[in-house]
N, C-alpha and C. Protein backbone atom coordinates (compact mmCIF):
# COMPACT_ATOMS: atom_id res chain seq x y z
N UNK A 1 10.46 16.96 5.94
CA UNK A 1 10.67 15.97 4.91
C UNK A 1 12.08 16.16 4.36
N UNK A 2 12.87 15.07 4.23
CA UNK A 2 14.22 15.20 3.72
C UNK A 2 14.21 15.62 2.26
N UNK A 3 15.26 16.29 1.80
CA UNK A 3 15.30 16.72 0.41
C UNK A 3 15.37 15.50 -0.52
N UNK A 4 14.88 15.69 -1.73
CA UNK A 4 14.91 14.62 -2.71
C UNK A 4 16.35 14.35 -3.13
N UNK A 5 16.67 13.08 -3.31
CA UNK A 5 17.97 12.69 -3.80
C UNK A 5 17.85 12.44 -5.28
N UNK A 6 18.90 12.70 -6.02
CA UNK A 6 18.88 12.47 -7.46
C UNK A 6 19.57 11.16 -7.78
N UNK A 7 19.04 10.46 -8.76
CA UNK A 7 19.62 9.17 -9.12
C UNK A 7 20.05 9.12 -10.57
N UNK A 8 20.28 10.24 -11.16
CA UNK A 8 20.72 10.22 -12.55
C UNK A 8 19.69 10.86 -13.45
N UNK A 9 19.87 10.62 -14.74
CA UNK A 9 19.01 11.25 -15.73
C UNK A 9 17.95 10.29 -16.24
N UNK A 10 16.75 10.78 -16.39
CA UNK A 10 15.65 10.00 -16.95
C UNK A 10 15.49 10.37 -18.41
N UNK A 11 14.30 10.19 -18.96
CA UNK A 11 14.02 10.54 -20.34
C UNK A 11 14.17 12.04 -20.53
N UNK A 12 14.62 12.41 -21.68
CA UNK A 12 14.78 13.81 -22.07
C UNK A 12 15.71 14.57 -21.12
N UNK A 13 16.64 13.85 -20.46
CA UNK A 13 17.64 14.50 -19.63
C UNK A 13 17.14 15.00 -18.29
N UNK A 14 15.91 14.67 -17.92
CA UNK A 14 15.38 15.12 -16.64
C UNK A 14 15.87 14.19 -15.54
N UNK A 15 16.24 14.76 -14.40
CA UNK A 15 16.69 13.95 -13.27
C UNK A 15 15.50 13.25 -12.64
N UNK A 16 15.70 12.00 -12.25
CA UNK A 16 14.66 11.25 -11.55
C UNK A 16 14.92 11.34 -10.06
N UNK A 17 13.87 11.50 -9.27
CA UNK A 17 14.01 11.58 -7.82
C UNK A 17 13.93 10.19 -7.21
N UNK A 18 14.85 9.89 -6.31
CA UNK A 18 14.72 8.66 -5.52
C UNK A 18 13.68 8.93 -4.45
N UNK A 19 12.85 7.98 -4.18
CA UNK A 19 11.86 8.13 -3.14
C UNK A 19 12.49 7.68 -1.84
N UNK A 20 12.57 8.57 -0.83
CA UNK A 20 13.25 8.20 0.41
C UNK A 20 12.47 7.15 1.17
N UNK A 21 13.11 6.00 1.37
CA UNK A 21 12.49 4.96 2.18
C UNK A 21 13.56 4.13 2.87
N UNK A 22 14.79 4.61 2.87
CA UNK A 22 15.90 3.85 3.42
C UNK A 22 15.74 3.60 4.91
N UNK A 23 15.10 4.50 5.64
CA UNK A 23 14.95 4.35 7.09
C UNK A 23 13.83 3.37 7.44
N UNK A 24 13.11 2.91 6.46
CA UNK A 24 11.98 2.02 6.68
C UNK A 24 12.43 0.65 7.16
N UNK A 25 11.61 0.05 8.02
CA UNK A 25 11.82 -1.35 8.41
C UNK A 25 11.39 -2.27 7.29
N UNK A 26 10.63 -1.77 6.36
CA UNK A 26 10.11 -2.56 5.26
C UNK A 26 10.79 -2.10 3.97
N UNK A 27 11.71 -2.91 3.45
CA UNK A 27 12.34 -2.50 2.20
C UNK A 27 11.33 -2.55 1.06
N UNK A 28 11.34 -1.56 0.22
CA UNK A 28 10.44 -1.50 -0.92
C UNK A 28 11.24 -1.72 -2.20
N UNK A 29 10.75 -2.60 -3.03
CA UNK A 29 11.38 -2.80 -4.33
C UNK A 29 10.90 -1.70 -5.27
N UNK A 30 11.57 -1.56 -6.36
CA UNK A 30 11.15 -0.57 -7.36
C UNK A 30 9.76 -0.93 -7.90
N UNK A 31 9.46 -2.23 -8.01
CA UNK A 31 8.13 -2.65 -8.46
C UNK A 31 7.05 -2.25 -7.47
N UNK A 32 7.33 -2.40 -6.17
CA UNK A 32 6.36 -2.00 -5.14
C UNK A 32 6.14 -0.49 -5.18
N UNK A 33 7.21 0.25 -5.33
CA UNK A 33 7.09 1.71 -5.41
C UNK A 33 6.27 2.09 -6.64
N UNK A 34 6.48 1.38 -7.75
CA UNK A 34 5.73 1.67 -8.97
C UNK A 34 4.24 1.42 -8.77
N UNK A 35 3.88 0.35 -8.07
CA UNK A 35 2.46 0.05 -7.80
C UNK A 35 1.86 1.13 -6.90
N UNK A 36 2.61 1.51 -5.87
CA UNK A 36 2.14 2.57 -4.96
C UNK A 36 1.99 3.88 -5.71
N UNK A 37 2.95 4.18 -6.58
CA UNK A 37 2.88 5.43 -7.36
C UNK A 37 1.66 5.41 -8.27
N UNK A 38 1.33 4.25 -8.85
CA UNK A 38 0.17 4.15 -9.72
C UNK A 38 -1.11 4.47 -8.94
N UNK A 39 -1.21 3.93 -7.73
CA UNK A 39 -2.38 4.23 -6.88
C UNK A 39 -2.45 5.72 -6.58
N UNK A 40 -1.30 6.30 -6.25
CA UNK A 40 -1.23 7.72 -5.95
C UNK A 40 -1.63 8.55 -7.16
N UNK A 41 -1.05 8.21 -8.32
CA UNK A 41 -1.29 8.99 -9.53
C UNK A 41 -2.72 8.88 -10.03
N UNK A 42 -3.45 7.82 -9.60
CA UNK A 42 -4.82 7.66 -10.06
C UNK A 42 -5.71 8.82 -9.60
N UNK A 43 -5.36 9.46 -8.51
CA UNK A 43 -6.14 10.61 -8.02
C UNK A 43 -5.36 11.92 -8.02
N UNK A 44 -4.09 11.84 -8.34
CA UNK A 44 -3.23 13.02 -8.24
C UNK A 44 -3.56 14.05 -9.31
N UNK A 45 -3.38 15.29 -8.94
CA UNK A 45 -3.43 16.41 -9.87
C UNK A 45 -1.99 16.70 -10.26
N UNK A 46 -1.78 17.10 -11.48
CA UNK A 46 -0.43 17.39 -11.94
C UNK A 46 0.26 16.15 -12.46
N UNK A 47 1.44 16.33 -13.02
CA UNK A 47 2.20 15.23 -13.61
C UNK A 47 3.60 15.18 -13.01
N UNK A 48 4.19 14.00 -13.01
CA UNK A 48 5.57 13.84 -12.57
C UNK A 48 5.78 14.32 -11.14
N UNK A 49 6.86 15.08 -10.94
CA UNK A 49 7.19 15.57 -9.60
C UNK A 49 6.15 16.54 -9.06
N UNK A 50 5.33 17.12 -9.94
CA UNK A 50 4.29 18.07 -9.50
C UNK A 50 3.00 17.35 -9.10
N UNK A 51 2.93 16.03 -9.28
CA UNK A 51 1.71 15.29 -8.92
C UNK A 51 1.49 15.36 -7.42
N UNK A 52 0.26 15.64 -7.03
CA UNK A 52 -0.09 15.77 -5.62
C UNK A 52 -1.55 15.41 -5.40
N UNK A 53 -1.87 15.06 -4.15
CA UNK A 53 -3.25 14.80 -3.77
C UNK A 53 -3.66 15.80 -2.70
N UNK A 54 -4.96 15.99 -2.57
CA UNK A 54 -5.47 16.84 -1.50
C UNK A 54 -5.51 16.03 -0.21
N UNK A 55 -5.46 16.70 0.91
CA UNK A 55 -5.47 16.02 2.20
C UNK A 55 -6.69 15.12 2.37
N UNK A 56 -7.85 15.55 1.87
CA UNK A 56 -9.05 14.74 2.05
C UNK A 56 -9.04 13.45 1.22
N UNK A 57 -8.06 13.29 0.35
CA UNK A 57 -7.92 12.07 -0.44
C UNK A 57 -6.94 11.08 0.18
N UNK A 58 -6.27 11.47 1.25
CA UNK A 58 -5.21 10.65 1.83
C UNK A 58 -5.69 9.25 2.18
N UNK A 59 -6.80 9.12 2.87
CA UNK A 59 -7.30 7.80 3.28
C UNK A 59 -7.61 6.91 2.10
N UNK A 60 -8.28 7.46 1.09
CA UNK A 60 -8.63 6.68 -0.08
C UNK A 60 -7.39 6.17 -0.80
N UNK A 61 -6.40 7.04 -0.97
CA UNK A 61 -5.19 6.66 -1.69
C UNK A 61 -4.37 5.67 -0.86
N UNK A 62 -4.34 5.86 0.47
CA UNK A 62 -3.63 4.90 1.32
C UNK A 62 -4.26 3.52 1.21
N UNK A 63 -5.58 3.47 1.21
CA UNK A 63 -6.26 2.18 1.10
C UNK A 63 -6.02 1.55 -0.28
N UNK A 64 -6.01 2.37 -1.31
CA UNK A 64 -5.75 1.87 -2.66
C UNK A 64 -4.33 1.31 -2.77
N UNK A 65 -3.42 1.83 -1.94
CA UNK A 65 -2.03 1.39 -1.97
C UNK A 65 -1.75 0.30 -0.93
N UNK A 66 -2.79 -0.22 -0.29
CA UNK A 66 -2.62 -1.34 0.63
C UNK A 66 -2.60 -1.00 2.10
N UNK A 67 -2.77 0.26 2.45
CA UNK A 67 -2.83 0.65 3.86
C UNK A 67 -4.24 0.49 4.40
N UNK A 68 -4.34 0.42 5.70
CA UNK A 68 -5.66 0.34 6.35
C UNK A 68 -5.70 1.30 7.53
N UNK A 69 -5.64 2.59 7.24
CA UNK A 69 -5.63 3.57 8.34
C UNK A 69 -7.03 3.74 8.94
N UNK A 70 -7.06 3.97 10.25
CA UNK A 70 -8.34 4.25 10.91
C UNK A 70 -8.68 5.72 10.66
N UNK A 71 -9.93 6.07 10.90
CA UNK A 71 -10.34 7.47 10.74
C UNK A 71 -9.56 8.37 11.71
N UNK A 72 -9.29 7.86 12.90
CA UNK A 72 -8.53 8.63 13.89
C UNK A 72 -7.10 8.89 13.39
N UNK A 73 -6.47 7.87 12.84
CA UNK A 73 -5.12 8.03 12.30
C UNK A 73 -5.10 9.05 11.17
N UNK A 74 -6.08 8.98 10.30
CA UNK A 74 -6.16 9.93 9.19
C UNK A 74 -6.34 11.35 9.69
N UNK A 75 -7.22 11.52 10.67
CA UNK A 75 -7.44 12.85 11.23
C UNK A 75 -6.16 13.39 11.86
N UNK A 76 -5.47 12.55 12.63
CA UNK A 76 -4.22 12.97 13.26
C UNK A 76 -3.18 13.36 12.21
N UNK A 77 -3.06 12.56 11.15
CA UNK A 77 -2.06 12.84 10.12
C UNK A 77 -2.41 14.10 9.34
N UNK A 78 -3.68 14.26 8.98
CA UNK A 78 -4.06 15.47 8.23
C UNK A 78 -3.93 16.71 9.11
N UNK A 79 -4.27 16.61 10.39
CA UNK A 79 -4.08 17.74 11.30
C UNK A 79 -2.60 18.11 11.39
N UNK A 80 -1.74 17.11 11.49
CA UNK A 80 -0.29 17.34 11.55
C UNK A 80 0.21 18.06 10.30
N UNK A 81 -0.27 17.63 9.14
CA UNK A 81 0.15 18.24 7.87
C UNK A 81 -0.40 19.65 7.76
N UNK A 82 -1.64 19.84 8.20
CA UNK A 82 -2.25 21.18 8.13
C UNK A 82 -1.53 22.18 9.03
N UNK A 83 -0.99 21.73 10.18
CA UNK A 83 -0.26 22.64 11.06
C UNK A 83 1.03 23.12 10.41
N UNK A 84 1.47 22.40 9.38
CA UNK A 84 2.64 22.83 8.62
C UNK A 84 2.26 23.78 7.49
N UNK A 85 0.96 24.11 7.42
CA UNK A 85 0.48 25.03 6.41
C UNK A 85 0.25 24.39 5.05
N UNK A 86 0.19 23.07 4.98
CA UNK A 86 0.02 22.37 3.71
C UNK A 86 -1.42 21.92 3.54
N UNK A 87 -1.86 21.86 2.30
CA UNK A 87 -3.18 21.32 1.99
C UNK A 87 -3.08 20.19 0.97
N UNK A 88 -1.86 19.92 0.50
CA UNK A 88 -1.63 18.85 -0.47
C UNK A 88 -0.44 18.00 -0.05
N UNK A 89 -0.36 16.81 -0.64
CA UNK A 89 0.73 15.89 -0.36
C UNK A 89 1.34 15.43 -1.68
N UNK A 90 2.65 15.52 -1.80
CA UNK A 90 3.37 15.05 -2.97
C UNK A 90 3.80 13.60 -2.73
N UNK A 91 4.15 12.88 -3.80
CA UNK A 91 4.41 11.45 -3.70
C UNK A 91 5.49 11.08 -2.68
N UNK A 92 6.64 11.72 -2.63
CA UNK A 92 7.64 11.30 -1.63
C UNK A 92 7.10 11.35 -0.19
N UNK A 93 6.34 12.39 0.13
CA UNK A 93 5.76 12.49 1.47
C UNK A 93 4.68 11.42 1.66
N UNK A 94 3.88 11.17 0.64
CA UNK A 94 2.86 10.13 0.73
C UNK A 94 3.52 8.77 0.99
N UNK A 95 4.60 8.49 0.28
CA UNK A 95 5.27 7.20 0.46
C UNK A 95 5.81 7.07 1.88
N UNK A 96 6.35 8.14 2.42
CA UNK A 96 6.82 8.12 3.81
C UNK A 96 5.66 7.84 4.78
N UNK A 97 4.52 8.46 4.55
CA UNK A 97 3.34 8.26 5.40
C UNK A 97 2.89 6.80 5.31
N UNK A 98 2.82 6.27 4.09
CA UNK A 98 2.37 4.90 3.90
C UNK A 98 3.34 3.90 4.53
N UNK A 99 4.63 4.08 4.33
CA UNK A 99 5.62 3.17 4.90
C UNK A 99 5.61 3.26 6.42
N UNK A 100 5.48 4.47 6.96
CA UNK A 100 5.39 4.64 8.41
C UNK A 100 4.17 3.89 8.94
N UNK A 101 3.05 4.02 8.25
CA UNK A 101 1.82 3.32 8.65
C UNK A 101 2.05 1.81 8.62
N UNK A 102 2.67 1.31 7.58
CA UNK A 102 2.93 -0.13 7.47
C UNK A 102 3.91 -0.60 8.54
N UNK A 103 4.88 0.22 8.87
CA UNK A 103 5.83 -0.14 9.93
C UNK A 103 5.12 -0.29 11.27
N UNK A 104 4.14 0.57 11.52
CA UNK A 104 3.42 0.55 12.79
C UNK A 104 2.36 -0.54 12.85
N UNK A 105 1.74 -0.84 11.72
CA UNK A 105 0.57 -1.72 11.72
C UNK A 105 0.75 -3.01 10.94
N UNK A 106 1.93 -3.27 10.51
CA UNK A 106 2.17 -4.51 9.78
C UNK A 106 2.07 -4.31 8.28
N UNK A 107 2.46 -5.33 7.60
CA UNK A 107 2.53 -5.31 6.15
C UNK A 107 1.54 -6.31 5.61
N UNK A 108 0.44 -5.86 5.10
CA UNK A 108 -0.65 -6.70 4.67
C UNK A 108 -0.19 -7.78 3.69
N UNK A 109 0.72 -7.47 2.79
CA UNK A 109 1.18 -8.46 1.81
C UNK A 109 1.80 -9.66 2.50
N UNK A 110 2.58 -9.45 3.56
CA UNK A 110 3.19 -10.56 4.28
C UNK A 110 2.13 -11.41 4.96
N UNK A 111 1.14 -10.77 5.54
CA UNK A 111 0.06 -11.50 6.20
C UNK A 111 -0.73 -12.32 5.19
N UNK A 112 -1.02 -11.74 4.04
CA UNK A 112 -1.75 -12.46 3.01
C UNK A 112 -0.94 -13.63 2.48
N UNK A 113 0.35 -13.43 2.30
CA UNK A 113 1.21 -14.49 1.81
C UNK A 113 1.23 -15.67 2.78
N UNK A 114 1.34 -15.36 4.07
CA UNK A 114 1.34 -16.42 5.09
C UNK A 114 0.00 -17.14 5.10
N UNK A 115 -1.09 -16.40 5.04
CA UNK A 115 -2.41 -17.01 5.03
C UNK A 115 -2.58 -17.89 3.80
N UNK A 116 -2.11 -17.42 2.66
CA UNK A 116 -2.21 -18.20 1.42
C UNK A 116 -1.47 -19.52 1.56
N UNK A 117 -0.27 -19.48 2.14
CA UNK A 117 0.52 -20.69 2.32
C UNK A 117 -0.20 -21.69 3.22
N UNK A 118 -0.89 -21.20 4.22
CA UNK A 118 -1.63 -22.07 5.15
C UNK A 118 -2.82 -22.72 4.43
N UNK A 119 -3.53 -21.95 3.65
CA UNK A 119 -4.73 -22.46 2.97
C UNK A 119 -4.35 -23.40 1.83
N UNK A 120 -3.27 -23.10 1.13
CA UNK A 120 -2.83 -23.91 -0.02
C UNK A 120 -2.15 -25.18 0.49
N UNK A 121 -2.96 -26.10 1.00
CA UNK A 121 -2.45 -27.30 1.68
C UNK A 121 -1.57 -28.17 0.78
N UNK A 122 -1.89 -28.26 -0.51
CA UNK A 122 -1.11 -29.12 -1.38
C UNK A 122 0.05 -28.38 -2.07
N UNK A 123 0.28 -27.12 -1.68
CA UNK A 123 1.38 -26.30 -2.20
C UNK A 123 1.38 -26.21 -3.72
N UNK A 124 0.20 -26.14 -4.30
CA UNK A 124 0.07 -26.06 -5.75
C UNK A 124 0.28 -24.65 -6.29
N UNK A 125 0.23 -23.66 -5.39
CA UNK A 125 0.30 -22.28 -5.84
C UNK A 125 -1.08 -21.69 -6.10
N UNK A 126 -2.09 -22.50 -5.89
CA UNK A 126 -3.47 -22.07 -6.07
C UNK A 126 -4.28 -22.50 -4.86
N UNK A 127 -5.32 -21.74 -4.56
CA UNK A 127 -6.25 -22.17 -3.52
C UNK A 127 -7.43 -22.79 -4.25
N UNK A 128 -7.53 -24.10 -4.10
CA UNK A 128 -8.61 -24.82 -4.77
C UNK A 128 -9.89 -24.69 -3.95
N UNK A 129 -11.00 -24.87 -4.62
CA UNK A 129 -12.30 -24.73 -3.95
C UNK A 129 -12.40 -25.64 -2.74
N UNK A 130 -11.92 -26.87 -2.86
CA UNK A 130 -12.04 -27.81 -1.75
C UNK A 130 -11.21 -27.35 -0.55
N UNK A 131 -10.06 -26.68 -0.80
CA UNK A 131 -9.24 -26.17 0.30
C UNK A 131 -9.95 -25.02 1.01
N UNK A 132 -10.56 -24.16 0.22
CA UNK A 132 -11.28 -23.02 0.78
C UNK A 132 -12.51 -23.48 1.55
N UNK A 133 -13.25 -24.43 0.99
CA UNK A 133 -14.43 -24.97 1.67
C UNK A 133 -14.02 -25.60 2.99
N UNK A 134 -12.93 -26.37 2.99
CA UNK A 134 -12.46 -27.01 4.23
C UNK A 134 -12.15 -25.96 5.29
N UNK A 135 -11.43 -24.90 4.91
CA UNK A 135 -11.08 -23.85 5.85
C UNK A 135 -12.33 -23.15 6.38
N UNK A 136 -13.23 -22.76 5.49
CA UNK A 136 -14.43 -22.04 5.90
C UNK A 136 -15.31 -22.91 6.80
N UNK A 137 -15.33 -24.19 6.53
CA UNK A 137 -16.11 -25.11 7.37
C UNK A 137 -15.47 -25.23 8.74
N UNK A 138 -14.14 -25.34 8.78
CA UNK A 138 -13.43 -25.49 10.06
C UNK A 138 -13.59 -24.27 10.96
N UNK A 139 -13.66 -23.09 10.38
CA UNK A 139 -13.80 -21.88 11.21
C UNK A 139 -15.26 -21.49 11.41
N UNK A 140 -16.18 -22.32 10.91
CA UNK A 140 -17.59 -22.09 11.15
C UNK A 140 -18.23 -21.04 10.27
N UNK A 141 -17.59 -20.69 9.17
CA UNK A 141 -18.16 -19.69 8.27
C UNK A 141 -18.97 -20.32 7.15
N UNK A 142 -18.89 -21.64 7.03
CA UNK A 142 -19.65 -22.34 6.00
C UNK A 142 -20.32 -23.53 6.67
N UNK A 143 -21.64 -23.51 6.66
CA UNK A 143 -22.36 -24.59 7.34
C UNK A 143 -23.22 -25.39 6.39
N UNK A 144 -23.37 -24.93 5.15
CA UNK A 144 -24.15 -25.68 4.16
C UNK A 144 -23.19 -26.48 3.30
N UNK A 145 -23.69 -27.55 2.71
CA UNK A 145 -22.85 -28.39 1.86
C UNK A 145 -22.39 -27.66 0.61
N UNK A 146 -21.20 -28.01 0.18
CA UNK A 146 -20.65 -27.47 -1.06
C UNK A 146 -20.89 -28.50 -2.15
N UNK A 147 -21.52 -28.07 -3.24
CA UNK A 147 -21.88 -29.03 -4.30
C UNK A 147 -21.14 -28.74 -5.60
N UNK A 148 -20.10 -27.95 -5.53
CA UNK A 148 -19.35 -27.63 -6.75
C UNK A 148 -18.32 -28.69 -7.06
N UNK A 149 -17.61 -28.49 -8.17
CA UNK A 149 -16.54 -29.42 -8.55
C UNK A 149 -15.28 -29.05 -7.79
N UNK A 150 -14.37 -29.98 -7.64
CA UNK A 150 -13.09 -29.66 -7.07
C UNK A 150 -12.80 -30.45 -5.89
């Protein structure tokens, strides 16, 4: 894992660590990193730079952060980390694992955005009930009549 880079001073004069993701094919905004960090911190032990998760929590936290790893992928990744003598993962390493996973398997947010645009036929920014019913009927997932408003 590359060493942490410093980006200046945070509150109380403490240096903030930049999360390495420059080599990623998927650029992450600070807002995206903040959301991922929140998912990570929801199960992490410790605070700030000392926050870490146990290896057996990796899959749950990856899924909470938008990843969809298979059990085989999780086993391979945890085995790889364990061969390094580690039993915990800190946020910078977790972010690298998540971004690597997204680079290999796609970026769910982009797929959802594209699907939303397709379903939102009138480009209102909302998926109305009638649009959803039409789609579900067309793909054969809805065979009974819809009696709601919309």
